[in-house]
């Protein structure tokens, strides 16, 4: 059985990715920052479907926690799956902040950096010893790194950095046959950044070729498919999942 670690798996895209991976007979370790109840609900849904899942607490902005988290993952693998390695890492955890460049504070800038670029970098580094050869890393970036949207400059900049980092992961981990790809969701109906107002959703839908904003499962299904053996030759790519957003 393949086992996937999905950060930020208690809600939104992460919860969908976890559920879709489980539907494809993968074991799931999902992380949450503070909402244990929401994470356990996702675990319960997965287990009700006949798969195994574990929820572990993790603050991806706190690199000091990563060695202890690695030990917790090692224990969860042994206890739940009688395994000593996992196969897939999905760096998904994140949050939104809408603030023009002129008013962004250093604390806001640093907070986004710690979660969206530094966190994935050093968490991947920490977990590499537990990742099986032939594994796969998927980094969740954003269409905002391609389409400039006023108010999200720091967020988009770090997502762009994560896209570049993905290619370097593919290059440096290739000797272990570990693939690395990134996915860039377009507008998705989640609660990140407070969610979408009806007016803003209508605007975004009008800018998308398929005439609507995305749903979490539009992304979850894609990630689960990308992790599968069917996409074994896809590597070092950034795949936009946006229904044709601003083309």
Protein backbone atom coordinates (compact mmCIF):
# COMPACT_ATOMS: atom_id res chain seq x y z
CA UNK A 1 0.00 0.00 0.00
CA UNK A 2 1.18 3.52 -0.82
CA UNK A 3 1.09 6.08 2.00
CA UNK A 4 0.68 9.84 1.50
CA UNK A 5 1.46 12.69 3.89
CA UNK A 6 -0.71 15.73 3.25
CA UNK A 7 -0.07 18.94 5.17
CA UNK A 8 -3.05 21.13 5.97
CA UNK A 9 -5.38 18.20 5.51
CA UNK A 10 -8.11 19.23 7.93
CA UNK A 11 -10.04 21.44 5.51
CA UNK A 12 -10.35 22.78 1.99
CA UNK A 13 -7.99 21.45 -0.64
CA UNK A 14 -6.06 19.33 1.84
CA UNK A 15 -9.16 17.52 3.07
CA UNK A 16 -10.22 16.81 -0.50
CA UNK A 17 -6.75 15.57 -1.46
CA UNK A 18 -6.75 13.27 1.59
CA UNK A 19 -10.19 11.87 0.74
CA UNK A 20 -9.37 11.32 -2.92
CA UNK A 21 -6.08 9.60 -2.08
CA UNK A 22 -7.92 7.30 0.33
CA UNK A 23 -10.47 6.45 -2.37
CA UNK A 24 -7.54 5.22 -4.45
CA UNK A 25 -6.49 2.83 -1.66
CA UNK A 26 -3.69 4.98 -0.25
CA UNK A 27 -2.99 5.27 3.44
CA UNK A 28 -3.16 8.89 4.59
CA UNK A 29 -1.32 10.92 7.19
CA UNK A 30 -2.83 14.39 7.30
CA UNK A 31 -1.62 17.29 9.39
CA UNK A 32 -3.48 20.09 11.10
CA UNK A 33 -2.28 23.24 12.82
CA UNK A 34 -4.94 23.90 15.46
CA UNK A 35 -8.30 22.39 14.48
CA UNK A 36 -7.95 18.83 15.72
CA UNK A 37 -11.71 18.26 15.57
CA UNK A 38 -11.85 19.05 11.85
CA UNK A 39 -8.87 16.78 11.20
CA UNK A 40 -10.42 13.91 13.11
CA UNK A 41 -13.62 14.37 11.10
CA UNK A 42 -11.64 13.88 7.89
CA UNK A 43 -10.01 10.80 9.40
CA UNK A 44 -13.42 9.45 10.38
CA UNK A 45 -14.76 9.90 6.86
CA UNK A 46 -11.76 8.10 5.39
CA UNK A 47 -12.03 5.23 7.86
CA UNK A 48 -15.76 4.91 7.18
CA UNK A 49 -14.82 4.28 3.57
CA UNK A 50 -12.56 1.40 4.57
CA UNK A 51 -9.14 3.08 4.44
CA UNK A 52 -6.69 3.99 7.19
CA UNK A 53 -5.76 7.55 8.16
CA UNK A 54 -3.96 9.37 10.96
CA UNK A 55 -4.12 13.06 11.90
CA UNK A 56 -0.95 14.64 13.32
CA UNK A 57 -0.46 18.14 14.65
CA UNK A 58 2.08 20.29 12.80
CA UNK A 59 2.81 23.99 12.49
CA UNK A 60 4.63 24.24 9.16
CA UNK A 61 5.93 27.69 10.09
CA UNK A 62 7.93 26.21 12.98
CA UNK A 63 10.93 24.39 11.54
CA UNK A 64 12.13 23.56 15.06
CA UNK A 65 9.22 21.08 15.30
CA UNK A 66 10.22 19.10 12.21
CA UNK A 67 12.66 16.57 13.78
CA UNK A 68 10.07 15.63 16.42
CA UNK A 69 7.39 15.47 13.72
CA UNK A 70 9.56 13.08 11.73
CA UNK A 71 9.78 10.81 14.78
CA UNK A 72 5.99 10.98 15.18
CA UNK A 73 5.53 10.05 11.53
CA UNK A 74 7.93 7.13 11.94
CA UNK A 75 5.87 5.88 14.88
CA UNK A 76 2.56 6.33 13.02
CA UNK A 77 3.89 4.39 10.03
CA UNK A 78 4.94 1.49 12.23
CA UNK A 79 1.81 1.44 14.37
CA UNK A 80 -0.84 1.94 11.69
CA UNK A 81 0.68 0.30 8.60
CA UNK A 82 3.59 -1.76 9.92
CA UNK A 83 5.74 0.30 7.55
CA UNK A 84 9.02 2.17 7.86
CA UNK A 85 8.57 4.57 4.94
CA UNK A 86 5.97 6.61 3.09
CA UNK A 87 5.58 7.27 -0.61
CA UNK A 88 4.05 10.68 -1.25
CA UNK A 89 4.39 14.14 0.28
CA UNK A 90 1.88 16.86 -0.57
CA UNK A 91 3.00 20.27 0.70
CA UNK A 92 -0.40 21.93 0.85
CA UNK A 93 -0.69 23.81 4.15
CA UNK A 94 -1.16 27.54 3.78
CA UNK A 95 -3.26 30.61 4.33
CA UNK A 96 -4.23 33.74 2.43
CA UNK A 97 -3.59 37.39 3.16
CA UNK A 98 -5.03 40.20 1.07
CA UNK A 99 -3.07 43.40 1.56
CA UNK A 100 -1.53 45.83 -0.98
CA UNK A 101 2.27 46.07 -1.18
CA UNK A 102 2.11 49.60 0.21
CA UNK A 103 0.71 48.38 3.54
CA UNK A 104 2.15 44.87 4.02
CA UNK A 105 4.06 44.64 7.30
CA UNK A 106 7.29 42.72 7.83
CA UNK A 107 5.50 40.36 10.21
CA UNK A 108 2.85 39.60 7.57
CA UNK A 109 5.56 39.09 4.93
CA UNK A 110 7.62 36.82 7.19
CA UNK A 111 4.56 34.81 8.23
CA UNK A 112 3.68 33.99 4.63
CA UNK A 113 7.31 33.16 3.85
CA UNK A 114 7.59 30.73 6.76
CA UNK A 115 4.48 28.81 5.73
CA UNK A 116 4.61 28.88 1.94
CA UNK A 117 8.32 28.54 1.13
CA UNK A 118 10.58 27.94 4.12
CA UNK A 119 8.20 25.37 5.61
CA UNK A 120 7.92 23.13 2.53
CA UNK A 121 11.68 23.37 1.94
CA UNK A 122 12.72 22.20 5.39
CA UNK A 123 9.83 19.81 5.97
CA UNK A 124 10.75 17.99 2.77
CA UNK A 125 14.36 17.93 3.93
CA UNK A 126 13.33 16.52 7.32
CA UNK A 127 11.11 13.79 5.85
CA UNK A 128 13.41 12.64 3.04
CA UNK A 129 14.98 9.87 5.16
CA UNK A 130 11.52 8.31 5.56
CA UNK A 131 10.45 8.69 1.92
CA UNK A 132 10.62 5.56 -0.20
CA UNK A 133 12.70 5.56 -3.37
CA UNK A 134 10.38 6.10 -6.33
CA UNK A 135 8.18 8.44 -4.31
CA UNK A 136 6.55 11.68 -5.36
CA UNK A 137 6.40 15.21 -3.98
CA UNK A 138 3.57 17.54 -4.95
CA UNK A 139 3.83 21.20 -3.96
CA UNK A 140 0.68 23.30 -4.03
CA UNK A 141 1.43 26.66 -5.63
CA UNK A 142 -1.10 29.10 -7.12
CA UNK A 143 -2.28 30.63 -10.38
CA UNK A 144 -1.49 34.00 -8.75
CA UNK A 145 2.17 33.35 -9.59
CA UNK A 146 1.17 33.66 -13.28
CA UNK A 147 -1.75 36.11 -13.13
CA UNK A 148 -1.00 39.19 -11.02
CA UNK A 149 -3.82 39.85 -8.58
CA UNK A 150 -3.64 43.05 -6.54
CA UNK A 151 -3.27 42.42 -2.82
CA UNK A 152 -1.51 39.05 -2.83
CA UNK A 153 2.06 39.99 -3.80
CA UNK A 154 3.91 38.24 -0.93
CA UNK A 155 1.73 35.11 -1.15
CA UNK A 156 2.16 34.89 -4.92
CA UNK A 157 5.90 35.56 -4.72
CA UNK A 158 6.47 32.68 -2.32
CA UNK A 159 4.23 30.40 -4.35
CA UNK A 160 6.37 31.31 -7.36
CA UNK A 161 9.45 30.43 -5.34
CA UNK A 162 7.89 27.09 -4.45
CA UNK A 163 7.33 26.42 -8.14
CA UNK A 164 11.04 26.97 -8.80
CA UNK A 165 11.97 24.86 -5.77
CA UNK A 166 9.90 22.01 -7.22
CA UNK A 167 12.14 21.80 -10.28
CA UNK A 168 15.22 21.69 -8.09
CA UNK A 169 13.68 18.91 -6.01
CA UNK A 170 13.07 16.92 -9.19
CA UNK A 171 16.69 17.48 -10.24
CA UNK A 172 18.31 16.65 -6.92
CA UNK A 173 16.11 13.71 -5.92
CA UNK A 174 16.13 12.05 -9.34
CA UNK A 175 18.86 9.60 -8.33
CA UNK A 176 16.30 8.12 -5.91
CA UNK A 177 13.61 8.14 -8.63
CA UNK A 178 11.61 10.62 -6.55
CA UNK A 179 9.48 12.84 -8.76
CA UNK A 180 8.48 16.38 -7.88
CA UNK A 181 5.68 18.38 -9.46
CA UNK A 182 3.67 21.41 -8.45
CA UNK A 183 0.01 22.17 -9.02
CA UNK A 184 -1.32 25.70 -9.33
CA UNK A 185 -5.03 25.97 -8.47
CA UNK A 186 -6.99 28.82 -9.97
CA UNK A 187 -9.90 30.32 -8.03
CA UNK A 188 -11.34 27.61 -5.77
CA UNK A 189 -14.36 27.79 -3.47
CA UNK A 190 -12.70 27.31 -0.06
CA UNK A 191 -12.52 29.32 3.15
CA UNK A 192 -8.92 30.47 2.61
CA UNK A 193 -8.62 34.19 3.10
CA UNK A 194 -12.20 34.35 4.32
CA UNK A 195 -13.74 32.71 1.24
CA UNK A 196 -15.28 34.28 -1.86
CA UNK A 197 -18.06 36.84 -1.85
CA UNK A 198 -20.82 36.28 -4.41
CA UNK A 199 -19.68 39.32 -6.39
CA UNK A 200 -16.03 38.23 -6.46
CA UNK A 201 -16.96 34.66 -7.36
CA UNK A 202 -19.03 35.91 -10.30
CA UNK A 203 -16.06 38.00 -11.48
CA UNK A 204 -13.67 35.07 -11.27
CA UNK A 205 -16.12 32.73 -13.00
CA UNK A 206 -16.39 35.23 -15.83
CA UNK A 207 -12.59 35.12 -16.26
CA UNK A 208 -12.55 31.32 -16.48
CA UNK A 209 -13.13 29.49 -19.76
CA UNK A 210 -15.41 26.89 -18.17
CA UNK A 211 -17.54 29.58 -16.57
CA UNK A 212 -17.25 28.74 -12.88
CA UNK A 213 -14.79 28.72 -10.00
CA UNK A 214 -13.32 25.41 -8.94
CA UNK A 215 -14.39 23.08 -6.16
CA UNK A 216 -11.92 21.39 -3.77
CA UNK A 217 -12.51 18.02 -5.43
CA UNK A 218 -11.43 19.45 -8.78
CA UNK A 219 -8.00 19.76 -7.18
CA UNK A 220 -8.18 16.68 -4.96
CA UNK A 221 -8.91 14.37 -7.87
CA UNK A 222 -6.06 15.85 -9.91
CA UNK A 223 -3.51 15.41 -7.13
CA UNK A 224 -4.56 11.81 -6.44
CA UNK A 225 -4.31 11.08 -10.16
CA UNK A 226 -0.90 12.76 -10.40
CA UNK A 227 0.41 10.57 -7.59
CA UNK A 228 -0.69 7.41 -9.37
CA UNK A 229 1.45 5.17 -11.53
CA UNK A 230 -0.52 6.41 -14.54
CA UNK A 231 1.47 9.67 -14.35
CA UNK A 232 4.84 8.08 -13.60
CA UNK A 233 6.62 10.02 -16.36
CA UNK A 234 5.37 13.46 -15.34
CA UNK A 235 8.17 15.23 -13.49
CA UNK A 236 9.38 18.78 -12.76
CA UNK A 237 6.14 20.32 -14.06
CA UNK A 238 3.81 23.02 -12.78
CA UNK A 239 0.23 22.08 -13.66
CA UNK A 240 -2.45 24.76 -13.48
CA UNK A 241 -5.81 23.49 -12.29
CA UNK A 242 -8.08 26.40 -13.07
CA UNK A 243 -10.57 25.46 -15.75
CA UNK A 244 -8.86 27.88 -18.15
CA UNK A 245 -8.35 30.87 -15.84
CA UNK A 246 -7.50 34.08 -17.77
CA UNK A 247 -6.33 32.56 -21.02
